[in-house]
Amino acid sequence: MRVIFRCDPALKDLIPRPVPARQALPDWLRAMPRHAFSDIHGEDVRTVKHCPPFVDAMSQGFTIPLPCDVIVDRGRLSWDWTIPPLTAGHHPRAPISFHAAAQVEGTPFHTADQVIVKFNSFWTIELEPGWSLFATHPVNRADLPFRLLSGLVDADRFHDVGILFPAVWLDPGFSGTLPRGLPIAQCLAVPREALTYEFATFDVAASRRYDETAHDLLSGPGVYRRAFRAPRSGAEGSAEAAFEVPPESGGTQP
């Protein structure tokens, strides 16, 4: 799967590039202990840092970075970011804009004073034919003061302009800086071909495999990682070979 990112030539050396999600894992995951004491068990237990599905989900796909620092002061968002004239006249110049709250009326995201921010994209994203782009909140990132609304874009056909990423602002009292490069969205390429579904019951062999696997999982740690987890392209080497950024592309060229 090849993913092509394009930007306005004036922004080529100014904005951070999307990166494989594995390279954007949060500091708290790196710093957290591998074991912690459980009052329920009365002993140390392994934390989610030991859980491959938890970490692999956070490492899947690529992330879209915030293009500049955004200062947040009790609901007021500001930035000190000057960009040069752009070749695309309708291109956004601000990192963030807003949606009207009425646009989510009737959903669980709507309240009378709810703020819906919109992260503007400074990269266009093109996928290969037959693939769509699933954009969602960075996985397991409950530490962020916003929650991205998930969306699916047919990026094999829609790739001449940037995708906008709306998010519900969760913490009206938050004050601090959203740093340049902060992952605002996690994106995965998904095929559009229809799934087929089959339903069956265990036969004798399946029941035996169930009991054998369950026994192995209960007998000690690391069974899934050693026996079942598939190798990841970004685990031992870089996944950046799947990315292509044309060096002289304009922001609206196909």
Protein backbone atom coordinates (compact mmCIF):
# COMPACT_ATOMS: atom_id res chain seq x y z
CA MET A 1 0.00 0.00 0.00
CA ARG A 2 1.46 3.32 -1.11
CA VAL A 3 0.28 6.53 0.57
CA ILE A 4 1.07 9.79 -1.22
CA PHE A 5 1.15 13.07 0.71
CA ARG A 6 1.24 16.42 -1.07
CA CYS A 7 1.48 19.97 0.22
CA ASP A 8 1.72 23.47 -1.15
CA PRO A 9 5.33 24.16 -2.24
CA ALA A 10 5.55 27.09 0.17
CA LEU A 11 4.89 24.72 3.09
CA LYS A 12 7.29 21.95 2.10
CA ASP A 13 9.95 22.84 4.68
CA LEU A 14 7.60 24.50 7.18
CA ILE A 15 5.15 21.85 8.32
CA PRO A 16 5.81 18.48 9.99
CA ARG A 17 5.17 15.38 7.93
CA PRO A 18 2.72 12.61 8.84
CA VAL A 19 4.57 9.73 10.49
CA PRO A 20 3.91 6.05 11.14
CA ALA A 21 1.85 5.86 14.33
CA ARG A 22 4.55 3.71 15.94
CA GLN A 23 6.83 6.76 15.87
CA ALA A 24 4.22 8.93 17.62
CA LEU A 25 3.55 6.82 20.71
CA PRO A 26 2.97 9.02 23.78
CA ASP A 27 5.56 9.60 26.47
CA TRP A 28 3.28 8.11 29.12
CA LEU A 29 3.33 4.73 27.35
CA ARG A 30 7.11 4.74 27.18
CA ALA A 31 7.43 5.81 30.83
CA MET A 32 4.78 3.59 32.43
CA PRO A 33 5.93 0.54 34.41
CA ARG A 34 5.67 -2.96 32.98
CA HIS A 35 4.28 -4.26 36.28
CA ALA A 36 2.07 -2.71 38.97
CA PHE A 37 0.72 -3.98 42.27
CA SER A 38 -2.91 -5.17 42.16
CA ASP A 39 -4.95 -4.92 45.36
CA ILE A 40 -7.33 -7.51 43.91
CA HIS A 41 -4.62 -10.08 43.24
CA GLY A 42 -2.35 -9.15 46.12
CA GLU A 43 0.70 -9.17 43.85
CA ASP A 44 2.29 -7.45 40.89
CA VAL A 45 0.50 -7.86 37.56
CA ARG A 46 1.54 -6.93 34.04
CA THR A 47 0.32 -3.55 32.78
CA VAL A 48 -1.08 -2.78 29.33
CA LYS A 49 2.49 -2.01 28.27
CA HIS A 50 2.80 -5.81 28.07
CA CYS A 51 -0.37 -6.15 25.96
CA PRO A 52 0.46 -6.43 22.23
CA PRO A 53 -3.13 -5.72 21.02
CA PHE A 54 -3.19 -2.51 23.09
CA VAL A 55 0.16 -1.26 21.79
CA ASP A 56 -0.32 -2.55 18.23
CA ALA A 57 -3.61 -0.65 17.94
CA MET A 58 -1.80 2.54 18.96
CA SER A 59 0.93 1.76 16.41
CA GLN A 60 -1.28 1.05 13.40
CA GLY A 61 -1.39 3.35 10.39
CA PHE A 62 -0.06 6.89 10.50
CA THR A 63 -0.78 10.06 12.41
CA ILE A 64 -1.53 13.59 11.24
CA PRO A 65 0.53 16.16 13.18
CA LEU A 66 -0.53 19.57 14.42
CA PRO A 67 1.39 22.04 12.19
CA CYS A 68 2.29 24.54 14.93
CA ASP A 69 1.98 25.22 18.65
CA VAL A 70 -1.56 26.09 19.72
CA ILE A 71 -1.95 27.89 23.04
CA VAL A 72 -5.12 27.11 24.98
CA ASP A 73 -6.24 29.37 27.84
CA ARG A 74 -9.62 28.39 29.36
CA GLY A 75 -11.39 28.03 26.04
CA ARG A 76 -9.40 30.57 24.06
CA LEU A 77 -7.21 29.09 21.31
CA SER A 78 -4.40 31.11 19.75
CA TRP A 79 -1.20 30.61 17.78
CA ASP A 80 1.76 32.64 16.60
CA TRP A 81 2.33 31.17 13.17
CA THR A 82 3.08 33.12 10.03
CA ILE A 83 3.07 31.25 6.75
CA PRO A 84 4.14 32.62 3.36
CA PRO A 85 1.81 33.22 0.40
CA LEU A 86 0.46 29.94 -0.95
CA THR A 87 -0.08 28.82 -4.54
CA ALA A 88 -3.58 27.49 -3.74
CA GLY A 89 -5.90 30.42 -3.14
CA HIS A 90 -8.50 28.49 -1.11
CA HIS A 91 -5.94 26.78 1.10
CA PRO A 92 -6.43 27.25 4.89
CA ARG A 93 -3.85 29.32 6.71
CA ALA A 94 -4.96 28.70 10.32
CA PRO A 95 -4.28 25.36 12.05
CA ILE A 96 -7.75 25.29 13.63
CA SER A 97 -11.21 26.54 12.77
CA PHE A 98 -14.63 25.69 14.17
CA HIS A 99 -17.87 23.90 13.38
CA ALA A 100 -21.23 25.23 14.52
CA ALA A 101 -22.52 23.22 17.48
CA ALA A 102 -25.81 22.78 15.60
CA GLN A 103 -24.03 20.48 13.17
CA VAL A 104 -23.95 17.75 15.84
CA GLU A 105 -27.43 18.44 17.25
CA GLY A 106 -29.19 15.16 17.92
CA THR A 107 -25.93 13.32 18.61
CA PRO A 108 -24.34 12.47 21.98
CA PHE A 109 -21.70 15.12 21.20
CA HIS A 110 -24.12 18.04 21.40
CA THR A 111 -24.61 20.25 24.43
CA ALA A 112 -25.67 23.87 24.67
CA ASP A 113 -22.12 25.12 25.17
CA GLN A 114 -20.25 22.41 23.24
CA VAL A 115 -17.32 23.54 21.10
CA ILE A 116 -16.52 21.59 17.93
CA VAL A 117 -13.04 22.42 16.70
CA LYS A 118 -11.85 21.60 13.21
CA PHE A 119 -8.22 20.70 12.64
CA ASN A 120 -7.29 21.93 9.18
CA SER A 121 -5.13 19.65 7.07
CA PHE A 122 -2.02 20.94 5.33
CA TRP A 123 -1.35 17.66 3.54
CA THR A 124 -3.48 15.98 0.91
CA ILE A 125 -3.62 12.18 1.13
CA GLU A 126 -3.92 9.82 -1.84
CA LEU A 127 -4.46 6.07 -1.54
CA GLU A 128 -4.36 3.35 -4.16
CA PRO A 129 -7.58 2.46 -6.07
CA GLY A 130 -10.17 0.60 -4.02
CA TRP A 131 -8.98 1.87 -0.65
CA SER A 132 -10.53 4.37 1.77
CA LEU A 133 -8.99 6.31 4.63
CA PHE A 134 -10.40 5.71 8.10
CA ALA A 135 -9.52 8.68 10.35
CA THR A 136 -10.16 8.45 14.07
CA HIS A 137 -8.99 9.78 17.41
CA PRO A 138 -5.43 8.68 18.21
CA VAL A 139 -6.02 5.23 19.71
CA ASN A 140 -6.08 5.03 23.54
CA ARG A 141 -5.20 8.74 23.83
CA ALA A 142 -7.71 9.71 26.53
CA ASP A 143 -5.10 12.21 27.77
CA LEU A 144 -5.87 14.64 24.94
CA PRO A 145 -8.34 17.47 25.74
CA PHE A 146 -10.35 16.76 22.57
CA ARG A 147 -11.97 13.72 20.99
CA LEU A 148 -11.74 13.42 17.23
CA LEU A 149 -14.90 12.41 15.41
CA SER A 150 -14.21 9.34 13.26
CA GLY A 151 -14.74 9.50 9.52
CA LEU A 152 -14.19 7.44 6.38
CA VAL A 153 -12.98 9.17 3.19
CA ASP A 154 -12.57 7.58 -0.24
CA ALA A 155 -9.06 8.96 -0.54
CA ASP A 156 -8.32 7.10 -3.76
CA ARG A 157 -10.75 9.53 -5.43
CA PHE A 158 -10.86 12.50 -3.02
CA HIS A 159 -7.28 13.71 -2.65
CA ASP A 160 -6.98 17.11 -4.34
CA VAL A 161 -7.69 19.01 -1.11
CA GLY A 162 -6.87 18.27 2.50
CA ILE A 163 -9.20 16.33 4.78
CA LEU A 164 -10.64 18.31 7.70
CA PHE A 165 -10.66 16.62 11.10
CA PRO A 166 -13.51 17.73 13.44
CA ALA A 167 -13.18 17.12 17.16
CA VAL A 168 -15.25 17.68 20.28
CA TRP A 169 -13.40 19.83 22.82
CA LEU A 170 -13.72 17.89 26.08
CA ASP A 171 -12.03 20.06 28.69
CA PRO A 172 -13.29 23.68 28.80
CA GLY A 173 -10.95 24.42 31.71
CA PHE A 174 -7.81 23.19 29.94
CA SER A 175 -4.90 25.63 29.81
CA GLY A 176 -1.62 24.77 28.17
CA THR A 177 0.03 24.28 24.81
CA LEU A 178 -0.82 21.72 22.18
CA PRO A 179 2.68 21.29 20.74
CA ARG A 180 3.65 21.26 17.09
CA GLY A 181 3.67 17.66 15.90
CA LEU A 182 1.00 16.49 18.37
CA PRO A 183 -0.98 13.65 16.74
CA ILE A 184 -4.46 14.98 16.07
CA ALA A 185 -5.72 12.02 14.02
CA GLN A 186 -4.75 8.42 13.43
CA CYS A 187 -5.41 7.13 9.92
CA LEU A 188 -5.67 3.64 8.47
CA ALA A 189 -6.14 2.48 4.89
CA VAL A 190 -9.09 0.08 4.59
CA PRO A 191 -10.30 -1.83 1.52
CA ARG A 192 -13.80 -1.11 0.24
CA GLU A 193 -14.54 -4.66 -0.87
CA ALA A 194 -17.51 -6.21 0.90
CA LEU A 195 -16.99 -8.72 3.70
CA THR A 196 -18.57 -12.17 3.70
CA TYR A 197 -19.81 -13.66 6.96
CA GLU A 198 -19.89 -17.31 8.01
CA PHE A 199 -21.25 -18.76 11.25
CA ALA A 200 -20.45 -22.21 12.63
CA THR A 201 -20.24 -24.20 15.85
CA PHE A 202 -17.19 -25.87 17.34
CA ASP A 203 -16.45 -29.36 16.12
CA VAL A 204 -14.37 -31.74 18.23
CA ALA A 205 -11.09 -30.42 16.89
CA ALA A 206 -12.07 -26.79 17.44
CA SER A 207 -13.12 -27.51 21.03
CA ARG A 208 -9.77 -29.19 21.64
CA ARG A 209 -7.85 -26.26 20.19
CA TYR A 210 -9.90 -23.88 22.32
CA ASP A 211 -8.98 -25.73 25.53
CA GLU A 212 -5.33 -26.11 24.52
CA THR A 213 -4.98 -22.41 23.69
CA ALA A 214 -6.82 -21.31 26.84
CA HIS A 215 -4.56 -23.57 28.92
CA ASP A 216 -1.45 -22.11 27.31
CA LEU A 217 -2.64 -18.55 27.92
CA LEU A 218 -3.28 -19.31 31.60
CA SER A 219 0.01 -21.11 32.08
CA GLY A 220 2.29 -18.12 31.71
CA PRO A 221 2.83 -14.69 30.12
CA GLY A 222 3.73 -13.86 26.54
CA VAL A 223 1.91 -16.70 24.78
CA TYR A 224 0.09 -14.47 22.29
CA ARG A 225 3.25 -12.47 21.54
CA ARG A 226 5.40 -15.57 20.94
CA ALA A 227 2.95 -17.88 19.17
CA PHE A 228 0.27 -15.78 17.47
CA ARG A 229 1.31 -12.17 16.92
CA ALA A 230 2.28 -11.47 13.32
CA PRO A 231 5.48 -9.49 12.59
CA ARG A 232 4.94 -5.76 12.05
CA SER A 233 6.79 -3.88 9.31
CA GLY A 234 7.60 -1.07 11.73
CA ALA A 235 8.68 -3.30 14.61
CA GLU A 236 12.26 -4.00 13.57
CA GLY A 237 12.72 -1.50 10.74
CA SER A 238 11.20 1.70 9.51
CA ALA A 239 7.77 1.72 7.86
CA GLU A 240 8.50 4.94 6.02
CA ALA A 241 9.22 3.12 2.76
CA ALA A 242 5.44 2.94 2.29
CA PHE A 243 5.20 6.74 2.36
CA GLU A 244 5.79 8.98 -0.62
CA VAL A 245 6.04 12.75 -0.47
CA PRO A 246 6.60 14.27 -3.93
CA PRO A 247 9.18 17.00 -3.30
CA GLU A 248 7.77 19.64 -5.62
CA SER A 249 4.04 18.88 -5.52
CA GLY A 250 1.51 21.66 -5.29
CA GLY A 251 -1.32 21.48 -2.78
CA THR A 252 -4.12 20.90 -5.30
CA GLN A 253 -2.44 18.77 -7.94
CA PRO A 254 -3.80 15.21 -8.43
